[in-house]
C-alpha atoms as a PDB file:
ATOM      1  CA  MET A   1       0.000   0.000   0.000  1.00  0.00           C
ATOM      2  CA  LEU A   2       2.863   2.402   0.856  1.00  0.00           C
ATOM      3  CA  LYS A   3       4.431   1.674  -2.542  1.00  0.00           C
ATOM      4  CA  LYS A   4       1.245   2.859  -4.214  1.00  0.00           C
ATOM      5  CA  PHE A   5       1.269   6.278  -2.482  1.00  0.00           C
ATOM      6  CA  PHE A   6       5.053   6.780  -2.366  1.00  0.00           C
ATOM      7  CA  PRO A   7       5.227   8.816  -5.629  1.00  0.00           C
ATOM      8  CA  VAL A   8       2.366  11.048  -4.422  1.00  0.00           C
ATOM      9  CA  ILE A   9       4.094  11.641  -1.081  1.00  0.00           C
ATOM     10  CA  VAL A  10       7.430  12.450  -2.744  1.00  0.00           C
ATOM     11  CA  PHE A  11       5.752  14.791  -5.230  1.00  0.00           C
ATOM     12  CA  SER A  12       3.889  16.562  -2.400  1.00  0.00           C
ATOM     13  CA  LEU A  13       7.081  17.049  -0.395  1.00  0.00           C
ATOM     14  CA  VAL A  14       8.930  18.436  -3.421  1.00  0.00           C
ATOM     15  CA  LEU A  15       6.037  20.774  -4.186  1.00  0.00           C
ATOM     16  CA  VAL A  16       5.930  22.089  -0.593  1.00  0.00           C
ATOM     17  CA  PHE A  17       9.708  22.581  -0.528  1.00  0.00           C
ATOM     18  CA  CYS A  18       9.811  24.400  -3.876  1.00  0.00           C
ATOM     19  CA  SER A  19       6.928  26.685  -2.975  1.00  0.00           C
ATOM     20  CA  SER A  20       8.678  27.745   0.240  1.00  0.00           C
ATOM     21  CA  ILE A  21      11.886  28.870  -1.526  1.00  0.00           C
ATOM     22  CA  PRO A  22      10.531  32.356  -2.459  1.00  0.00           C
ATOM     23  CA  ALA A  23       9.422  32.921   1.142  1.00  0.00           C
ATOM     24  CA  ILE A  24      12.873  31.952   2.416  1.00  0.00           C
ATOM     25  CA  ALA A  25      14.551  34.297  -0.078  1.00  0.00           C
ATOM     26  CA  GLN A  26      12.326  37.194   0.990  1.00  0.00           C
ATOM     27  CA  THR A  27      13.140  36.797   4.676  1.00  0.00           C
ATOM     28  CA  GLU A  28      16.895  36.869   4.016  1.00  0.00           C
ATOM     29  CA  ALA A  29      16.855  40.564   3.059  1.00  0.00           C
ATOM     30  CA  ILE A  30      19.003  42.464   5.544  1.00  0.00           C
ATOM     31  CA  THR A  31      17.330  45.464   7.133  1.00  0.00           C
ATOM     32  CA  TYR A  32      18.737  48.147   9.392  1.00  0.00           C
ATOM     33  CA  THR A  33      16.850  49.786  12.233  1.00  0.00           C
ATOM     34  CA  ILE A  34      16.897  53.545  12.584  1.00  0.00           C
ATOM     35  CA  LYS A  35      15.014  55.794  14.994  1.00  0.00           C
ATOM     36  CA  LEU A  36      13.531  59.166  14.160  1.00  0.00           C
ATOM     37  CA  LYS A  37      13.394  61.329  17.275  1.00  0.00           C
ATOM     38  CA  ASN A  38      11.112  64.309  17.860  1.00  0.00           C
ATOM     39  CA  ASN A  39      13.591  66.777  19.311  1.00  0.00           C
ATOM     40  CA  THR A  40      11.036  69.614  19.420  1.00  0.00           C
ATOM     41  CA  LEU A  41       8.859  70.859  22.294  1.00  0.00           C
ATOM     42  CA  LEU A  42       5.585  70.012  20.518  1.00  0.00           C
ATOM     43  CA  PRO A  43       4.075  66.813  19.110  1.00  0.00           C
ATOM     44  CA  LYS A  44       5.103  66.366  15.494  1.00  0.00           C
ATOM     45  CA  LYS A  45       3.103  64.805  12.664  1.00  0.00           C
ATOM     46  CA  LEU A  46       5.573  62.968  10.495  1.00  0.00           C
ATOM     47  CA  THR A  47       5.081  61.568   7.002  1.00  0.00           C
ATOM     48  CA  VAL A  48       7.938  59.283   5.991  1.00  0.00           C
ATOM     49  CA  ILE A  49       8.207  58.455   2.293  1.00  0.00           C
ATOM     50  CA  THR A  50      10.772  55.884   1.201  1.00  0.00           C
ATOM     51  CA  TYR A  51      12.171  54.510  -2.038  1.00  0.00           C
ATOM     52  CA  THR A  52      13.867  51.127  -1.681  1.00  0.00           C
ATOM     53  CA  PRO A  53      16.384  49.915  -4.296  1.00  0.00           C
ATOM     54  CA  GLY A  54      14.955  47.200  -6.515  1.00  0.00           C
ATOM     55  CA  GLU A  55      11.345  48.052  -5.722  1.00  0.00           C
ATOM     56  CA  THR A  56       8.986  50.065  -7.878  1.00  0.00           C
ATOM     57  CA  GLY A  57       7.017  52.846  -6.266  1.00  0.00           C
ATOM     58  CA  ASN A  58       7.318  54.148  -2.752  1.00  0.00           C
ATOM     59  CA  SER A  59       6.233  53.426   0.769  1.00  0.00           C
ATOM     60  CA  THR A  60       4.427  56.102   2.772  1.00  0.00           C
ATOM     61  CA  MET A  61       3.973  56.020   6.553  1.00  0.00           C
ATOM     62  CA  GLY A  62       2.377  58.660   8.740  1.00  0.00           C
ATOM     63  CA  THR A  63       2.723  58.950  12.498  1.00  0.00           C
ATOM     64  CA  LEU A  64       2.456  61.384  15.393  1.00  0.00           C
ATOM     65  CA  ILE A  65       5.502  61.546  17.668  1.00  0.00           C
ATOM     66  CA  ALA A  66       5.357  63.125  21.137  1.00  0.00           C
ATOM     67  CA  PRO A  67       8.148  65.520  22.204  1.00  0.00           C
ATOM     68  CA  GLY A  68      11.317  63.645  23.174  1.00  0.00           C
ATOM     69  CA  PHE A  69      10.037  60.314  21.828  1.00  0.00           C
ATOM     70  CA  SER A  70      11.281  58.234  18.906  1.00  0.00           C
ATOM     71  CA  LYS A  71       9.766  55.978  16.263  1.00  0.00           C
ATOM     72  CA  SER A  72      11.721  52.983  14.961  1.00  0.00           C
ATOM     73  CA  TYR A  73      11.796  51.938  11.313  1.00  0.00           C
ATOM     74  CA  LYS A  74      13.481  49.076   9.453  1.00  0.00           C
ATOM     75  CA  PHE A  75      14.880  49.679   5.990  1.00  0.00           C
ATOM     76  CA  LYS A  76      17.104  47.926   3.469  1.00  0.00           C
ATOM     77  CA  GLU A  77      20.495  49.443   2.688  1.00  0.00           C
ATOM     78  CA  GLY A  78      20.280  52.190   0.055  1.00  0.00           C
ATOM     79  CA  THR A  79      16.706  53.152   0.916  1.00  0.00           C
ATOM     80  CA  LYS A  80      16.079  56.876   0.410  1.00  0.00           C
ATOM     81  CA  VAL A  81      14.155  58.267   3.390  1.00  0.00           C
ATOM     82  CA  TYR A  82      12.208  61.523   3.074  1.00  0.00           C
ATOM     83  CA  LEU A  83      10.575  63.437   5.929  1.00  0.00           C
ATOM     84  CA  ALA A  84       7.979  64.736   3.535  1.00  0.00           C
ATOM     85  CA  SER A  85       6.557  68.229   3.509  1.00  0.00           C
ATOM     86  CA  GLY A  86       2.891  68.769   2.676  1.00  0.00           C
ATOM     87  CA  GLU A  87       3.894  69.662  -0.874  1.00  0.00           C
ATOM     88  CA  GLN A  88       5.891  66.432  -1.273  1.00  0.00           C
ATOM     89  CA  VAL A  89       2.969  64.382   0.078  1.00  0.00           C
ATOM     90  CA  ASP A  90       0.687  66.009  -2.505  1.00  0.00           C
ATOM     91  CA  ILE A  91       3.161  65.182  -5.292  1.00  0.00           C
ATOM     92  CA  VAL A  92       3.403  61.525  -4.240  1.00  0.00           C
ATOM     93  CA  MET A  93      -0.367  61.192  -3.801  1.00  0.00           C
ATOM     94  CA  SER A  94      -0.841  62.497  -7.350  1.00  0.00           C
ATOM     95  CA  GLY A  95       1.205  59.535  -8.597  1.00  0.00           C
ATOM     96  CA  LYS A  96       4.479  61.341  -9.198  1.00  0.00           C
ATOM     97  CA  ARG A  97       7.840  60.627  -7.572  1.00  0.00           C
ATOM     98  CA  ILE A  98      10.041  62.746  -5.313  1.00  0.00           C
ATOM     99  CA  ASP A  99      13.141  60.535  -5.376  1.00  0.00           C
ATOM    100  CA  ASN A 100      15.080  63.184  -7.314  1.00  0.00           C
ATOM    101  CA  ASP A 101      14.724  65.531  -4.308  1.00  0.00           C
ATOM    102  CA  LYS A 102      17.408  65.483  -1.615  1.00  0.00           C
ATOM    103  CA  PRO A 103      16.529  62.748   0.918  1.00  0.00           C
ATOM    104  CA  PHE A 104      16.695  63.203   4.682  1.00  0.00           C
ATOM    105  CA  LEU A 105      18.763  60.009   4.803  1.00  0.00           C
ATOM    106  CA  VAL A 106      20.072  57.251   2.550  1.00  0.00           C
ATOM    107  CA  VAL A 107      20.268  54.175   4.787  1.00  0.00           C
ATOM    108  CA  LYS A 108      23.723  52.643   5.241  1.00  0.00           C
ATOM    109  CA  LYS A 109      24.919  49.683   7.290  1.00  0.00           C
ATOM    110  CA  GLU A 110      26.583  52.135   9.696  1.00  0.00           C
ATOM    111  CA  ASP A 111      23.173  53.705  10.466  1.00  0.00           C
ATOM    112  CA  ASP A 112      21.903  50.516  12.138  1.00  0.00           C
ATOM    113  CA  GLY A 113      20.667  51.347  15.648  1.00  0.00           C
ATOM    114  CA  LYS A 114      21.246  55.093  15.306  1.00  0.00           C
ATOM    115  CA  SER A 115      18.781  57.803  16.239  1.00  0.00           C
ATOM    116  CA  PHE A 116      18.220  60.844  14.024  1.00  0.00           C
ATOM    117  CA  ASN A 117      16.612  64.121  15.150  1.00  0.00           C
ATOM    118  CA  ILE A 118      13.779  65.181  12.868  1.00  0.00           C
ATOM    119  CA  GLU A 119      14.651  68.860  13.276  1.00  0.00           C
ATOM    120  CA  PRO A 120      18.169  70.245  12.707  1.00  0.00           C
END
């Protein structure tokens, strides 16, 4: 009886293994953690727009940070990070790109674990 189902079992195992390879490859991407700190005396609404190498389009995240607090983000090396102005948000929401503007930060390996003030 086992001989009859052996090819089916082997095929199923191969299929499961092969379908998990893309998931394994995606989790191997190295990311670096940075913190954006609100170094002002008032709460700050922050819109972070990023462009990651090898990916089309952007990622947009909005948050409110209390004075003296930080927000952590994980990015791949080479990611352009923008602390977007209202005008830049409007441009991105209209479907255009802002990655030719000067970024707040281009993520490097050395940035891992560092904190960056959102105001100069």
